[in-house]
Every structure is written in C-alpha cells, then in structure tokens.
C-alpha cells in the first residue's frame, strides 16, 4: 500500500494511503474531492483520473470550483478531450445552443486538444471550445442543462490552463461567479468578461 504526500494547493500537505493499483481518481476520492471539483497535477502537468498513481512524482491537487464543491454535478457526467470522431456531435451541441461557430475552426481546436466534451454513457451532452486561454463556446444539450455539465466542462478546461478568460451575457453571470471567475464589463454593450486564474 503506497503512501503518497499530496500538496492540496492553498490548504497544505496531506498524506494518503492507497491500494497498490490505485488511480488518481482514487486519490481524489481519498481526499474527498470529485474529478469535477479538483484536478491532480504531477510534476505540474494535469493527469487523467484513470491513470495509475506514481508515488515518485511531485503530486499536487488543485481545487477547480471555488467555494461550491460539486453540488449539482450529475454523477453520470464524464469529461474528456474531444477527438476527430466527435466533431459532428460537438457541432450539433453548439448549433443546438444557437452558438455561432465555424465547423473548420472547431475541427482545428479538436486537433490541438482545445475542445472538451461532457459525456453520459458515451453520448456527448456538452462541449467547450477554447482558443488558448479564451473560452469561445460552452454549450449543453437542453435535456442536460442545470445538471452540472457546464461546471464540469469549465473545471476540466481550468485544470489545463494557468488562467481562463470568457465573454458572456449578463444572465449567465451567476454561473461564472460560482466557479470563481472575477467578472468585469467587457466593453461590448452589456457583455461581461470573466477571468479565472490560479
């Protein structure tokens, strides 16, 4: 049974005893975090929750959702990077939310690992598209709205970036503030700009 010293960023170091075949998802569970609430970094690089724990690396856990935990995130939701086979489903989700997105640009973002998808039982129910640190689109299928899909997507993107920036309409301000974004006027009518930095 390996013992792993983990720095929980902003909270100090904790020691966790794990089974020999434990994954980083098991490590998060032992620390009482869900994958939607925190990310594991090994030697400052994010690692997937299904990867086996390597006790040799410098392990840190970064809280992704400030102050709110995972309340409202459906347990069935899983987030991963999109691959080329997901392009059509990603476009359907974005189009269904009436977001103006270019199919060629989305394909390029998928190729550069800048698109996350939320799935339930293998079906894509949400998508997030980035251009560097800037979130250009976040959308959820209507049936899955209000079930934490957007929270899970933004949290996954935040795990991979030092900061995230997004422009949005005033009606979604509470959503971004609940995730810890600092909000200010975007200078484009009533649009707002949010920034999340770690």
C-alpha atoms as a PDB file:
ATOM      1  CA  UNK A   1       0.000   0.000   0.000  1.00  0.00           C
ATOM      2  CA  UNK A   2       1.807   3.181  -1.172  1.00  0.00           C
ATOM      3  CA  UNK A   3       1.714   6.331   0.915  1.00  0.00           C
ATOM      4  CA  UNK A   4       1.537   9.497  -1.160  1.00  0.00           C
ATOM      5  CA  UNK A   5       2.276  13.016   0.078  1.00  0.00           C
ATOM      6  CA  UNK A   6      -0.041  15.428  -1.706  1.00  0.00           C
ATOM      7  CA  UNK A   7       0.056  19.209  -1.683  1.00  0.00           C
ATOM      8  CA  UNK A   8      -3.516  20.481  -1.767  1.00  0.00           C
ATOM      9  CA  UNK A   9      -2.902  23.933  -3.209  1.00  0.00           C
ATOM     10  CA  UNK A  10      -3.850  26.605  -0.685  1.00  0.00           C
ATOM     11  CA  UNK A  11      -4.536  24.068   2.069  1.00  0.00           C
ATOM     12  CA  UNK A  12      -1.179  22.416   2.818  1.00  0.00           C
ATOM     13  CA  UNK A  13       0.225  18.901   2.500  1.00  0.00           C
ATOM     14  CA  UNK A  14      -1.742  15.755   3.296  1.00  0.00           C
ATOM     15  CA  UNK A  15      -0.626  12.129   3.365  1.00  0.00           C
ATOM     16  CA  UNK A  16      -2.826   9.470   1.770  1.00  0.00           C
ATOM     17  CA  UNK A  17      -2.561   5.654   1.976  1.00  0.00           C
ATOM     18  CA  UNK A  18      -3.697   3.996  -1.254  1.00  0.00           C
ATOM     19  CA  UNK A  19      -4.090   0.482  -2.634  1.00  0.00           C
ATOM     20  CA  UNK A  20      -1.265  -0.759  -4.867  1.00  0.00           C
ATOM     21  CA  UNK A  21      -3.440  -0.443  -8.007  1.00  0.00           C
ATOM     22  CA  UNK A  22      -4.932   2.968  -7.112  1.00  0.00           C
ATOM     23  CA  UNK A  23      -5.652   5.595  -9.758  1.00  0.00           C
ATOM     24  CA  UNK A  24      -5.547   9.366  -9.437  1.00  0.00           C
ATOM     25  CA  UNK A  25      -9.355   9.232  -9.262  1.00  0.00           C
ATOM     26  CA  UNK A  26      -8.952   7.062  -6.149  1.00  0.00           C
ATOM     27  CA  UNK A  27      -6.524   9.640  -4.765  1.00  0.00           C
ATOM     28  CA  UNK A  28      -9.088  12.415  -5.250  1.00  0.00           C
ATOM     29  CA  UNK A  29     -11.767  10.283  -3.573  1.00  0.00           C
ATOM     30  CA  UNK A  30      -9.457   9.633  -0.604  1.00  0.00           C
ATOM     31  CA  UNK A  31      -9.063  13.401  -0.272  1.00  0.00           C
ATOM     32  CA  UNK A  32     -12.867  13.754  -0.500  1.00  0.00           C
ATOM     33  CA  UNK A  33     -12.796  15.596  -3.848  1.00  0.00           C
ATOM     34  CA  UNK A  34     -14.591  14.638  -7.042  1.00  0.00           C
ATOM     35  CA  UNK A  35     -12.993  14.965 -10.513  1.00  0.00           C
ATOM     36  CA  UNK A  36     -15.323  17.931 -11.158  1.00  0.00           C
ATOM     37  CA  UNK A  37     -14.062  19.754  -8.071  1.00  0.00           C
ATOM     38  CA  UNK A  38     -10.304  19.251  -8.278  1.00  0.00           C
ATOM     39  CA  UNK A  39      -7.539  18.169 -10.625  1.00  0.00           C
ATOM     40  CA  UNK A  40      -4.361  16.221  -9.959  1.00  0.00           C
ATOM     41  CA  UNK A  41      -1.082  17.647 -11.227  1.00  0.00           C
ATOM     42  CA  UNK A  42       2.061  15.508 -11.307  1.00  0.00           C
ATOM     43  CA  UNK A  43       5.245  17.491 -11.843  1.00  0.00           C
ATOM     44  CA  UNK A  44       2.944  20.444 -12.741  1.00  0.00           C
ATOM     45  CA  UNK A  45       1.177  18.574 -15.580  1.00  0.00           C
ATOM     46  CA  UNK A  46      -2.501  17.506 -15.327  1.00  0.00           C
ATOM     47  CA  UNK A  47      -3.087  13.752 -15.267  1.00  0.00           C
ATOM     48  CA  UNK A  48      -6.313  11.855 -16.077  1.00  0.00           C
ATOM     49  CA  UNK A  49      -8.234  10.339 -13.191  1.00  0.00           C
ATOM     50  CA  UNK A  50      -7.918   6.798 -14.617  1.00  0.00           C
ATOM     51  CA  UNK A  51      -4.088   6.820 -14.652  1.00  0.00           C
ATOM     52  CA  UNK A  52      -2.323   4.646 -12.060  1.00  0.00           C
ATOM     53  CA  UNK A  53      -0.715   6.570  -9.202  1.00  0.00           C
ATOM     54  CA  UNK A  54       3.045   7.039  -9.441  1.00  0.00           C
ATOM     55  CA  UNK A  55       4.312   7.881  -5.962  1.00  0.00           C
ATOM     56  CA  UNK A  56       7.611   9.189  -7.359  1.00  0.00           C
ATOM     57  CA  UNK A  57       6.284  12.425  -8.886  1.00  0.00           C
ATOM     58  CA  UNK A  58       5.563  15.750  -7.191  1.00  0.00           C
ATOM     59  CA  UNK A  59       1.794  15.416  -6.633  1.00  0.00           C
ATOM     60  CA  UNK A  60      -0.436  18.446  -6.180  1.00  0.00           C
ATOM     61  CA  UNK A  61      -4.213  18.764  -6.094  1.00  0.00           C
ATOM     62  CA  UNK A  62      -5.773  21.957  -7.394  1.00  0.00           C
ATOM     63  CA  UNK A  63      -9.322  22.922  -6.409  1.00  0.00           C
ATOM     64  CA  UNK A  64     -11.179  23.945  -9.559  1.00  0.00           C
ATOM     65  CA  UNK A  65     -14.504  25.139  -8.243  1.00  0.00           C
ATOM     66  CA  UNK A  66     -14.063  27.779  -5.575  1.00  0.00           C
ATOM     67  CA  UNK A  67     -16.353  27.589  -2.608  1.00  0.00           C
ATOM     68  CA  UNK A  68     -19.033  25.439  -4.175  1.00  0.00           C
ATOM     69  CA  UNK A  69     -17.850  21.867  -4.372  1.00  0.00           C
ATOM     70  CA  UNK A  70     -19.680  19.697  -6.864  1.00  0.00           C
ATOM     71  CA  UNK A  71     -23.238  20.382  -5.812  1.00  0.00           C
ATOM     72  CA  UNK A  72     -25.395  19.946  -8.866  1.00  0.00           C
ATOM     73  CA  UNK A  73     -22.915  17.947 -10.972  1.00  0.00           C
ATOM     74  CA  UNK A  74     -24.649  14.766 -12.078  1.00  0.00           C
ATOM     75  CA  UNK A  75     -22.618  11.662 -11.153  1.00  0.00           C
ATOM     76  CA  UNK A  76     -23.074  10.245 -14.666  1.00  0.00           C
ATOM     77  CA  UNK A  77     -21.207  13.122 -16.334  1.00  0.00           C
ATOM     78  CA  UNK A  78     -17.665  12.419 -17.557  1.00  0.00           C
ATOM     79  CA  UNK A  79     -15.403  14.949 -19.272  1.00  0.00           C
ATOM     80  CA  UNK A  80     -12.633  14.195 -21.748  1.00  0.00           C
ATOM     81  CA  UNK A  81     -10.805  15.824 -24.627  1.00  0.00           C
ATOM     82  CA  UNK A  82     -12.673  15.590 -27.913  1.00  0.00           C
ATOM     83  CA  UNK A  83     -11.230  13.536 -30.759  1.00  0.00           C
ATOM     84  CA  UNK A  84     -11.790  13.727 -34.522  1.00  0.00           C
ATOM     85  CA  UNK A  85     -14.747  11.311 -34.347  1.00  0.00           C
ATOM     86  CA  UNK A  86     -16.570  13.747 -32.022  1.00  0.00           C
ATOM     87  CA  UNK A  87     -16.641  16.671 -34.476  1.00  0.00           C
ATOM     88  CA  UNK A  88     -20.206  16.187 -35.726  1.00  0.00           C
ATOM     89  CA  UNK A  89     -21.632  15.699 -32.221  1.00  0.00           C
ATOM     90  CA  UNK A  90     -19.759  18.760 -30.932  1.00  0.00           C
ATOM     91  CA  UNK A  91     -21.204  20.839 -33.776  1.00  0.00           C
ATOM     92  CA  UNK A  92     -24.713  19.539 -33.010  1.00  0.00           C
ATOM     93  CA  UNK A  93     -24.385  20.584 -29.360  1.00  0.00           C
ATOM     94  CA  UNK A  94     -23.061  24.039 -30.289  1.00  0.00           C
ATOM     95  CA  UNK A  95     -25.674  24.540 -33.016  1.00  0.00           C
ATOM     96  CA  UNK A  96     -28.426  23.374 -30.647  1.00  0.00           C
ATOM     97  CA  UNK A  97     -27.436  26.176 -28.278  1.00  0.00           C
ATOM     98  CA  UNK A  98     -27.582  28.611 -31.225  1.00  0.00           C
ATOM     99  CA  UNK A  99     -23.897  29.487 -30.892  1.00  0.00           C
ATOM    100  CA  UNK A 100     -22.244  30.881 -33.995  1.00  0.00           C
ATOM    101  CA  UNK A 101     -19.256  28.593 -34.503  1.00  0.00           C
ATOM    102  CA  UNK A 102     -17.293  27.693 -37.605  1.00  0.00           C
ATOM    103  CA  UNK A 103     -17.029  23.935 -38.238  1.00  0.00           C
ATOM    104  CA  UNK A 104     -13.496  24.252 -39.620  1.00  0.00           C
ATOM    105  CA  UNK A 105     -12.328  26.196 -36.578  1.00  0.00           C
ATOM    106  CA  UNK A 106     -13.867  23.627 -34.225  1.00  0.00           C
ATOM    107  CA  UNK A 107     -12.091  20.829 -36.121  1.00  0.00           C
ATOM    108  CA  UNK A 108      -8.777  22.712 -35.729  1.00  0.00           C
ATOM    109  CA  UNK A 109      -9.403  23.148 -31.994  1.00  0.00           C
ATOM    110  CA  UNK A 110     -10.122  19.419 -31.657  1.00  0.00           C
ATOM    111  CA  UNK A 111      -6.815  18.674 -33.409  1.00  0.00           C
ATOM    112  CA  UNK A 112      -4.958  20.926 -30.935  1.00  0.00           C
ATOM    113  CA  UNK A 113      -6.686  19.408 -27.866  1.00  0.00           C
ATOM    114  CA  UNK A 114      -8.636  22.593 -27.142  1.00  0.00           C
ATOM    115  CA  UNK A 115     -12.133  21.035 -27.078  1.00  0.00           C
ATOM    116  CA  UNK A 116     -13.604  19.191 -24.091  1.00  0.00           C
ATOM    117  CA  UNK A 117     -16.755  17.110 -24.264  1.00  0.00           C
ATOM    118  CA  UNK A 118     -19.043  16.003 -21.463  1.00  0.00           C
ATOM    119  CA  UNK A 119     -20.498  12.539 -21.933  1.00  0.00           C
ATOM    120  CA  UNK A 120     -23.161  10.440 -20.282  1.00  0.00           C
ATOM    121  CA  UNK A 121     -22.957   6.729 -21.075  1.00  0.00           C
ATOM    122  CA  UNK A 122     -20.792   7.571 -24.082  1.00  0.00           C
ATOM    123  CA  UNK A 123     -23.187  10.169 -25.550  1.00  0.00           C
ATOM    124  CA  UNK A 124     -21.934  13.758 -25.863  1.00  0.00           C
ATOM    125  CA  UNK A 125     -24.179  16.093 -23.847  1.00  0.00           C
ATOM    126  CA  UNK A 126     -21.967  19.188 -23.690  1.00  0.00           C
ATOM    127  CA  UNK A 127     -18.916  20.811 -25.254  1.00  0.00           C
ATOM    128  CA  UNK A 128     -16.400  23.557 -24.505  1.00  0.00           C
ATOM    129  CA  UNK A 129     -14.142  25.127 -27.137  1.00  0.00           C
ATOM    130  CA  UNK A 130     -11.001  27.127 -26.273  1.00  0.00           C
ATOM    131  CA  UNK A 131      -8.611  29.316 -28.209  1.00  0.00           C
ATOM    132  CA  UNK A 132      -5.589  29.358 -25.919  1.00  0.00           C
ATOM    133  CA  UNK A 133      -6.765  30.803 -22.592  1.00  0.00           C
ATOM    134  CA  UNK A 134     -10.011  32.118 -24.083  1.00  0.00           C
ATOM    135  CA  UNK A 135     -13.197  30.048 -23.899  1.00  0.00           C
ATOM    136  CA  UNK A 136     -15.004  30.682 -27.178  1.00  0.00           C
ATOM    137  CA  UNK A 137     -18.038  28.428 -26.661  1.00  0.00           C
ATOM    138  CA  UNK A 138     -19.697  26.370 -23.924  1.00  0.00           C
ATOM    139  CA  UNK A 139     -22.937  24.520 -24.597  1.00  0.00           C
ATOM    140  CA  UNK A 140     -25.068  21.764 -23.096  1.00  0.00           C
ATOM    141  CA  UNK A 141     -27.876  19.739 -24.655  1.00  0.00           C
ATOM    142  CA  UNK A 142     -31.208  21.117 -23.427  1.00  0.00           C
ATOM    143  CA  UNK A 143     -32.132  17.941 -21.530  1.00  0.00           C
ATOM    144  CA  UNK A 144     -28.888  18.133 -19.522  1.00  0.00           C
ATOM    145  CA  UNK A 145     -28.964  21.824 -18.603  1.00  0.00           C
ATOM    146  CA  UNK A 146     -28.910  22.548 -14.886  1.00  0.00           C
ATOM    147  CA  UNK A 147     -27.169  19.250 -14.078  1.00  0.00           C
ATOM    148  CA  UNK A 148     -23.594  20.482 -13.753  1.00  0.00           C
ATOM    149  CA  UNK A 149     -22.405  19.777 -17.289  1.00  0.00           C
ATOM    150  CA  UNK A 150     -21.131  23.338 -17.784  1.00  0.00           C
ATOM    151  CA  UNK A 151     -19.420  23.267 -14.387  1.00  0.00           C
ATOM    152  CA  UNK A 152     -17.663  20.019 -15.263  1.00  0.00           C
ATOM    153  CA  UNK A 153     -16.528  21.354 -18.653  1.00  0.00           C
ATOM    154  CA  UNK A 154     -15.162  24.646 -17.305  1.00  0.00           C
ATOM    155  CA  UNK A 155     -13.439  22.821 -14.440  1.00  0.00           C
ATOM    156  CA  UNK A 156     -11.721  20.447 -16.867  1.00  0.00           C
ATOM    157  CA  UNK A 157     -10.513  23.329 -19.031  1.00  0.00           C
ATOM    158  CA  UNK A 158      -9.288  25.218 -15.950  1.00  0.00           C
ATOM    159  CA  UNK A 159      -7.206  22.213 -14.917  1.00  0.00           C
ATOM    160  CA  UNK A 160      -5.115  22.609 -18.062  1.00  0.00           C
ATOM    161  CA  UNK A 161      -4.573  26.371 -18.078  1.00  0.00           C
ATOM    162  CA  UNK A 162      -2.983  28.910 -15.741  1.00  0.00           C
ATOM    163  CA  UNK A 163      -5.958  31.150 -16.486  1.00  0.00           C
ATOM    164  CA  UNK A 164      -9.219  31.146 -18.429  1.00  0.00           C
ATOM    165  CA  UNK A 165     -10.990  34.139 -19.940  1.00  0.00           C
ATOM    166  CA  UNK A 166     -14.558  34.177 -21.235  1.00  0.00           C
ATOM    167  CA  UNK A 167     -17.005  36.816 -22.528  1.00  0.00           C
ATOM    168  CA  UNK A 168     -20.676  36.247 -21.778  1.00  0.00           C
ATOM    169  CA  UNK A 169     -24.130  37.778 -21.421  1.00  0.00           C
ATOM    170  CA  UNK A 170     -25.334  39.093 -18.027  1.00  0.00           C
ATOM    171  CA  UNK A 171     -27.846  36.265 -17.476  1.00  0.00           C
ATOM    172  CA  UNK A 172     -25.046  33.704 -17.016  1.00  0.00           C
ATOM    173  CA  UNK A 173     -23.011  35.880 -14.631  1.00  0.00           C
ATOM    174  CA  UNK A 174     -24.075  33.830 -11.539  1.00  0.00           C
ATOM    175  CA  UNK A 175     -22.765  30.650 -13.212  1.00  0.00           C
ATOM    176  CA  UNK A 176     -19.288  32.070 -13.827  1.00  0.00           C
ATOM    177  CA  UNK A 177     -19.126  33.782 -10.425  1.00  0.00           C
ATOM    178  CA  UNK A 178     -19.997  30.460  -8.745  1.00  0.00           C
ATOM    179  CA  UNK A 179     -16.900  28.968 -10.405  1.00  0.00           C
ATOM    180  CA  UNK A 180     -14.654  31.716  -9.046  1.00  0.00           C
ATOM    181  CA  UNK A 181     -14.392  33.934 -12.130  1.00  0.00           C
ATOM    182  CA  UNK A 182     -13.692  37.614 -11.490  1.00  0.00           C
ATOM    183  CA  UNK A 183     -16.263  39.489 -13.578  1.00  0.00           C
ATOM    184  CA  UNK A 184     -15.992  42.938 -15.169  1.00  0.00           C
ATOM    185  CA  UNK A 185     -17.605  44.794 -18.100  1.00  0.00           C
ATOM    186  CA  UNK A 186     -16.299  43.569 -21.457  1.00  0.00           C
ATOM    187  CA  UNK A 187     -16.731  46.944 -23.144  1.00  0.00           C
ATOM    188  CA  UNK A 188     -19.146  45.483 -25.732  1.00  0.00           C
ATOM    189  CA  UNK A 189     -22.618  46.731 -24.804  1.00  0.00           C
ATOM    190  CA  UNK A 190     -23.841  44.833 -21.747  1.00  0.00           C
ATOM    191  CA  UNK A 191     -21.474  41.871 -22.305  1.00  0.00           C
ATOM    192  CA  UNK A 192     -19.276  40.812 -19.396  1.00  0.00           C
ATOM    193  CA  UNK A 193     -15.773  39.370 -19.185  1.00  0.00           C
ATOM    194  CA  UNK A 194     -14.739  36.777 -16.641  1.00  0.00           C
ATOM    195  CA  UNK A 195     -11.250  35.650 -15.694  1.00  0.00           C
ATOM    196  CA  UNK A 196     -10.244  32.653 -13.622  1.00  0.00           C
ATOM    197  CA  UNK A 197      -6.599  32.499 -12.550  1.00  0.00           C
ATOM    198  CA  UNK A 198      -4.695  30.140 -10.298  1.00  0.00           C
END
